[in-house]
């Protein structure tokens, strides 16, 4: 994990730029107990490489993604997604690249460069494509099983769709719970003994640290009682060191964690 100054040195930019990228959601980060930002080296390196790559002419990779997504054409979006898988050699790398694309989409919408309609078309096109492509990936019969759910009242499921690709790539079966699933229902499924992992995602819109800490403790109690692994993902204000489970801020780290689970 890098400090803001170390991350800036690695990216060859000013520390203020790193802070802006973090605040805009472009770079994932966590905070220490004292409130200082910490960045994963992998996330910095991937972002710098992504900025340097070009897909055609002078068009950046992120610009290319946004152009295709804003067009909303099914086959173009599917093709772009599969092209990224071939180029990056791993769905977890594709997921981290798409995370940066989504952050840029949000920034352009907030600055008026994209209309609300264009942003909605882009995110819906991506979500539908992820579902179609994910359904084509086989899973291992009799393999590990993972529950996927959103935290609290969060309605943003794109992160879960990206996590599903990472799961399927390693043969783990996703069990989609999605939005507004009570902890009691998670407990029932975990208690039945057919679940190996629970992944809960909180988007950046969930900034209430106390509320997420309570949810983390409740889920931790359920999963620890049955020795089921628990992952907290997304850019929400999760506890950095939950009482049970792990806090992951990139799909690269998620992939590393899954290789242990799927072994």
Protein backbone atom coordinates (compact mmCIF):
# COMPACT_ATOMS: atom_id res chain seq x y z
CA UNK A 1 0.00 0.00 0.00
CA UNK A 2 1.34 3.43 -0.99
CA UNK A 3 0.94 6.84 0.61
CA UNK A 4 -0.38 9.70 -1.53
CA UNK A 5 3.17 10.99 -2.05
CA UNK A 6 4.47 7.54 -3.03
CA UNK A 7 1.55 7.02 -5.43
CA UNK A 8 2.20 10.43 -7.01
CA UNK A 9 5.88 9.57 -7.47
CA UNK A 10 4.97 6.26 -9.15
CA UNK A 11 2.46 7.95 -11.49
CA UNK A 12 4.79 10.92 -12.15
CA UNK A 13 2.12 13.45 -11.13
CA UNK A 14 1.60 15.84 -8.23
CA UNK A 15 0.12 14.54 -4.95
CA UNK A 16 -2.84 16.87 -5.52
CA UNK A 17 -3.58 15.00 -8.77
CA UNK A 18 -3.62 11.67 -6.94
CA UNK A 19 -6.04 13.12 -4.38
CA UNK A 20 -8.28 14.44 -7.17
CA UNK A 21 -8.28 11.07 -8.94
CA UNK A 22 -9.21 9.42 -5.66
CA UNK A 23 -12.00 11.92 -4.91
CA UNK A 24 -13.36 11.50 -8.46
CA UNK A 25 -13.50 7.72 -7.99
CA UNK A 26 -10.84 7.02 -10.61
CA UNK A 27 -8.42 5.39 -8.16
CA UNK A 28 -9.60 3.01 -5.42
CA UNK A 29 -8.17 3.72 -2.00
CA UNK A 30 -8.59 2.93 1.66
CA UNK A 31 -8.01 5.03 4.75
CA UNK A 32 -5.89 4.40 7.78
CA UNK A 33 -7.27 4.78 11.30
CA UNK A 34 -5.91 8.33 11.18
CA UNK A 35 -7.85 9.10 7.99
CA UNK A 36 -4.91 9.06 5.55
CA UNK A 37 -5.37 7.64 2.04
CA UNK A 38 -3.58 4.45 1.00
CA UNK A 39 -3.34 3.18 -2.58
CA UNK A 40 -2.54 -0.23 -4.05
CA UNK A 41 0.55 -0.21 -6.26
CA UNK A 42 -1.22 -2.43 -8.80
CA UNK A 43 -4.10 0.06 -9.18
CA UNK A 44 -1.70 2.95 -9.83
CA UNK A 45 0.34 0.97 -12.36
CA UNK A 46 -2.77 -0.24 -14.19
CA UNK A 47 -4.23 3.25 -14.40
CA UNK A 48 -0.99 4.69 -15.78
CA UNK A 49 -0.77 1.89 -18.36
CA UNK A 50 -4.41 2.39 -19.32
CA UNK A 51 -3.86 6.10 -19.87
CA UNK A 52 -0.86 5.37 -22.06
CA UNK A 53 -2.54 2.75 -24.26
CA UNK A 54 -4.41 3.69 -27.42
CA UNK A 55 -7.02 1.58 -29.12
CA UNK A 56 -7.25 3.48 -32.39
CA UNK A 57 -5.46 6.62 -33.50
CA UNK A 58 -5.27 9.12 -30.65
CA UNK A 59 -8.36 7.77 -28.87
CA UNK A 60 -7.59 6.55 -25.36
CA UNK A 61 -8.90 3.24 -24.07
CA UNK A 62 -11.34 4.99 -21.73
CA UNK A 63 -12.59 7.30 -24.50
CA UNK A 64 -13.12 4.25 -26.71
CA UNK A 65 -15.12 2.49 -24.00
CA UNK A 66 -17.31 5.52 -23.39
CA UNK A 67 -17.96 6.04 -27.11
CA UNK A 68 -19.06 2.41 -27.53
CA UNK A 69 -21.14 2.32 -24.34
CA UNK A 70 -22.87 5.62 -25.09
CA UNK A 71 -23.86 4.19 -28.48
CA UNK A 72 -25.76 1.44 -26.67
CA UNK A 73 -25.46 -1.04 -29.54
CA UNK A 74 -25.57 -4.60 -28.20
CA UNK A 75 -23.05 -6.24 -30.51
CA UNK A 76 -20.58 -3.37 -30.32
CA UNK A 77 -20.61 -3.46 -26.53
CA UNK A 78 -20.25 -7.26 -26.42
CA UNK A 79 -17.39 -7.08 -28.91
CA UNK A 80 -15.64 -4.37 -26.86
CA UNK A 81 -15.95 -6.46 -23.73
CA UNK A 82 -14.49 -9.56 -25.37
CA UNK A 83 -11.73 -7.50 -26.99
CA UNK A 84 -10.74 -6.23 -23.56
CA UNK A 85 -10.61 -9.82 -22.23
CA UNK A 86 -8.24 -10.80 -25.05
CA UNK A 87 -6.09 -7.70 -24.63
CA UNK A 88 -5.80 -7.87 -20.84
CA UNK A 89 -5.76 -11.67 -20.40
CA UNK A 90 -8.03 -11.91 -17.38
CA UNK A 91 -11.53 -10.82 -16.42
CA UNK A 92 -10.22 -9.30 -13.20
CA UNK A 93 -8.06 -6.93 -15.25
CA UNK A 94 -11.06 -6.10 -17.44
CA UNK A 95 -13.10 -5.41 -14.30
CA UNK A 96 -10.50 -2.97 -12.96
CA UNK A 97 -10.35 -1.20 -16.34
CA UNK A 98 -14.14 -0.92 -16.43
CA UNK A 99 -14.03 0.51 -12.90
CA UNK A 100 -11.93 3.38 -14.24
CA UNK A 101 -14.32 3.79 -17.18
CA UNK A 102 -17.30 4.07 -14.80
CA UNK A 103 -15.47 6.64 -12.70
CA UNK A 104 -14.81 8.71 -15.82
CA UNK A 105 -18.43 8.34 -16.92
CA UNK A 106 -19.51 9.74 -13.56
CA UNK A 107 -17.03 12.60 -13.79
CA UNK A 108 -18.20 13.57 -17.29
CA UNK A 109 -21.83 13.45 -16.23
CA UNK A 110 -21.11 15.61 -13.19
CA UNK A 111 -19.23 18.15 -15.34
CA UNK A 112 -21.97 18.29 -18.00
CA UNK A 113 -19.96 16.51 -20.71
CA UNK A 114 -22.54 13.71 -20.76
CA UNK A 115 -26.30 14.02 -20.38
CA UNK A 116 -28.24 11.96 -17.87
CA UNK A 117 -29.71 9.97 -20.77
CA UNK A 118 -26.26 9.22 -22.21
CA UNK A 119 -24.96 8.08 -18.82
CA UNK A 120 -28.00 5.85 -18.28
CA UNK A 121 -27.72 4.33 -21.77
CA UNK A 122 -24.02 3.62 -21.21
CA UNK A 123 -24.41 1.93 -17.82
CA UNK A 124 -27.45 -0.08 -18.94
CA UNK A 125 -25.62 -1.24 -22.07
CA UNK A 126 -22.68 -2.37 -19.97
CA UNK A 127 -24.85 -4.15 -17.41
CA UNK A 128 -26.74 -6.07 -20.11
CA UNK A 129 -23.50 -7.03 -21.86
CA UNK A 130 -21.91 -8.26 -18.64
CA UNK A 131 -24.96 -10.46 -18.05
CA UNK A 132 -24.85 -11.93 -21.56
CA UNK A 133 -21.13 -12.61 -21.49
CA UNK A 134 -21.21 -13.94 -17.93
CA UNK A 135 -23.90 -16.47 -18.84
CA UNK A 136 -21.56 -18.00 -21.44
CA UNK A 137 -18.82 -18.75 -18.91
CA UNK A 138 -19.06 -22.25 -17.42
CA UNK A 139 -18.62 -23.02 -13.75
CA UNK A 140 -17.23 -26.13 -12.10
CA UNK A 141 -19.82 -28.76 -11.19
CA UNK A 142 -19.62 -29.42 -7.48
CA UNK A 143 -17.30 -26.45 -7.08
CA UNK A 144 -17.35 -23.53 -4.67
CA UNK A 145 -20.43 -21.31 -4.37
CA UNK A 146 -20.60 -17.58 -3.67
CA UNK A 147 -23.46 -15.28 -2.62
CA UNK A 148 -23.46 -11.85 -4.29
CA UNK A 149 -25.42 -9.00 -2.72
CA UNK A 150 -25.58 -5.22 -2.42
CA UNK A 151 -25.14 -3.54 0.93
CA UNK A 152 -28.24 -2.08 2.59
CA UNK A 153 -30.36 0.01 0.24
CA UNK A 154 -27.69 0.24 -2.46
CA UNK A 155 -29.20 -0.22 -5.93
CA UNK A 156 -25.91 -0.29 -7.87
CA UNK A 157 -25.24 -3.83 -9.13
CA UNK A 158 -22.52 -3.23 -11.74
CA UNK A 159 -19.82 -4.10 -9.22
CA UNK A 160 -21.51 -7.44 -8.54
CA UNK A 161 -21.72 -8.16 -12.28
CA UNK A 162 -17.98 -7.56 -12.58
CA UNK A 163 -17.34 -9.77 -9.55
CA UNK A 164 -19.42 -12.50 -11.20
CA UNK A 165 -17.07 -12.59 -14.20
CA UNK A 166 -14.11 -13.00 -11.84
CA UNK A 167 -15.89 -15.82 -10.02
CA UNK A 168 -16.87 -17.67 -13.17
CA UNK A 169 -13.37 -17.40 -14.59
CA UNK A 170 -12.11 -19.47 -11.65
CA UNK A 171 -15.02 -21.93 -11.75
CA UNK A 172 -16.87 -20.52 -8.72
CA UNK A 173 -20.68 -20.59 -9.00
CA UNK A 174 -22.32 -17.19 -8.32
CA UNK A 175 -25.62 -17.12 -6.42
CA UNK A 176 -27.14 -13.72 -7.18
CA UNK A 177 -29.06 -12.05 -4.35
CA UNK A 178 -28.65 -8.49 -5.64
CA UNK A 179 -30.48 -5.59 -4.00
CA UNK A 180 -32.02 -5.23 -0.56
CA UNK A 181 -31.38 -8.71 0.81
CA UNK A 182 -31.93 -8.92 4.60
CA UNK A 183 -29.07 -10.22 6.72
CA UNK A 184 -31.45 -12.87 8.02
CA UNK A 185 -31.84 -14.29 4.52
CA UNK A 186 -28.08 -14.39 4.08
CA UNK A 187 -27.91 -16.21 7.41
CA UNK A 188 -30.48 -18.76 6.28
CA UNK A 189 -28.58 -19.57 3.09
CA UNK A 190 -25.23 -19.70 4.85
CA UNK A 191 -26.71 -21.89 7.56
CA UNK A 192 -27.85 -24.44 4.99
CA UNK A 193 -24.17 -25.20 4.43
CA UNK A 194 -24.00 -24.85 0.65
CA UNK A 195 -22.14 -21.53 0.53
CA UNK A 196 -18.35 -21.05 0.63
CA UNK A 197 -18.09 -17.29 0.18
CA UNK A 198 -20.21 -14.15 0.59
CA UNK A 199 -19.41 -11.00 -1.39
CA UNK A 200 -21.20 -7.77 -0.44
CA UNK A 201 -20.69 -4.58 -2.45
CA UNK A 202 -21.25 -0.97 -1.37
CA UNK A 203 -21.01 1.80 -3.96
CA UNK A 204 -19.56 5.22 -3.25
CA UNK A 205 -23.10 6.48 -2.54
CA UNK A 206 -23.02 4.61 0.78
CA UNK A 207 -20.92 6.95 2.89
CA UNK A 208 -22.46 6.31 6.32
CA UNK A 209 -19.55 4.64 8.11
CA UNK A 210 -21.56 3.69 11.19
CA UNK A 211 -24.30 2.03 9.15
CA UNK A 212 -21.80 0.03 7.08
CA UNK A 213 -19.87 -0.92 10.22
CA UNK A 214 -23.07 -2.36 11.73
CA UNK A 215 -23.81 -4.29 8.55
CA UNK A 216 -20.22 -5.57 8.43
CA UNK A 217 -20.51 -6.78 12.03
CA UNK A 218 -23.88 -8.47 11.41
CA UNK A 219 -22.66 -10.27 8.29
CA UNK A 220 -19.40 -11.10 10.01
CA UNK A 221 -21.26 -12.78 12.87
CA UNK A 222 -23.33 -14.86 10.42
CA UNK A 223 -20.36 -15.94 8.31
CA UNK A 224 -17.93 -16.59 11.16
CA UNK A 225 -20.47 -18.84 12.89
CA UNK A 226 -20.40 -21.13 9.84
CA UNK A 227 -16.76 -20.55 8.81
CA UNK A 228 -17.80 -18.97 5.52
CA UNK A 229 -15.46 -16.43 3.95
CA UNK A 230 -16.68 -12.84 3.62
CA UNK A 231 -15.54 -10.07 1.25
CA UNK A 232 -16.48 -6.38 1.43
CA UNK A 233 -16.09 -4.66 -1.94
CA UNK A 234 -16.91 -1.39 -3.71
CA UNK A 235 -16.00 2.19 -2.87
CA UNK A 236 -18.41 2.55 0.06
CA UNK A 237 -17.16 3.47 3.52
CA UNK A 238 -16.58 -0.04 4.84
CA UNK A 239 -14.38 -0.53 7.91
CA UNK A 240 -10.80 -0.93 6.72
CA UNK A 241 -10.25 -3.84 9.10
CA UNK A 242 -13.62 -5.54 9.71
CA UNK A 243 -14.01 -7.83 12.71
CA UNK A 244 -14.47 -10.74 10.30
CA UNK A 245 -13.81 -10.98 6.58
CA UNK A 246 -11.60 -8.88 4.30
CA UNK A 247 -11.91 -5.45 2.68
CA UNK A 248 -10.78 -5.48 -0.97
CA UNK A 249 -10.49 -2.39 -3.16
CA UNK A 250 -9.57 -3.85 -6.56
CA UNK A 251 -10.54 -6.83 -8.67
CA UNK A 252 -6.87 -7.80 -8.91
CA UNK A 253 -6.86 -8.34 -5.15
CA UNK A 254 -10.22 -10.13 -5.45
CA UNK A 255 -8.70 -12.48 -8.03
CA UNK A 256 -5.80 -13.27 -5.70
CA UNK A 257 -8.22 -13.97 -2.89
CA UNK A 258 -10.41 -16.19 -5.10
CA UNK A 259 -7.48 -18.35 -6.14
CA UNK A 260 -7.19 -19.37 -2.48
CA UNK A 261 -10.95 -19.99 -2.16
CA UNK A 262 -11.20 -21.99 -5.39
CA UNK A 263 -8.15 -24.17 -4.65
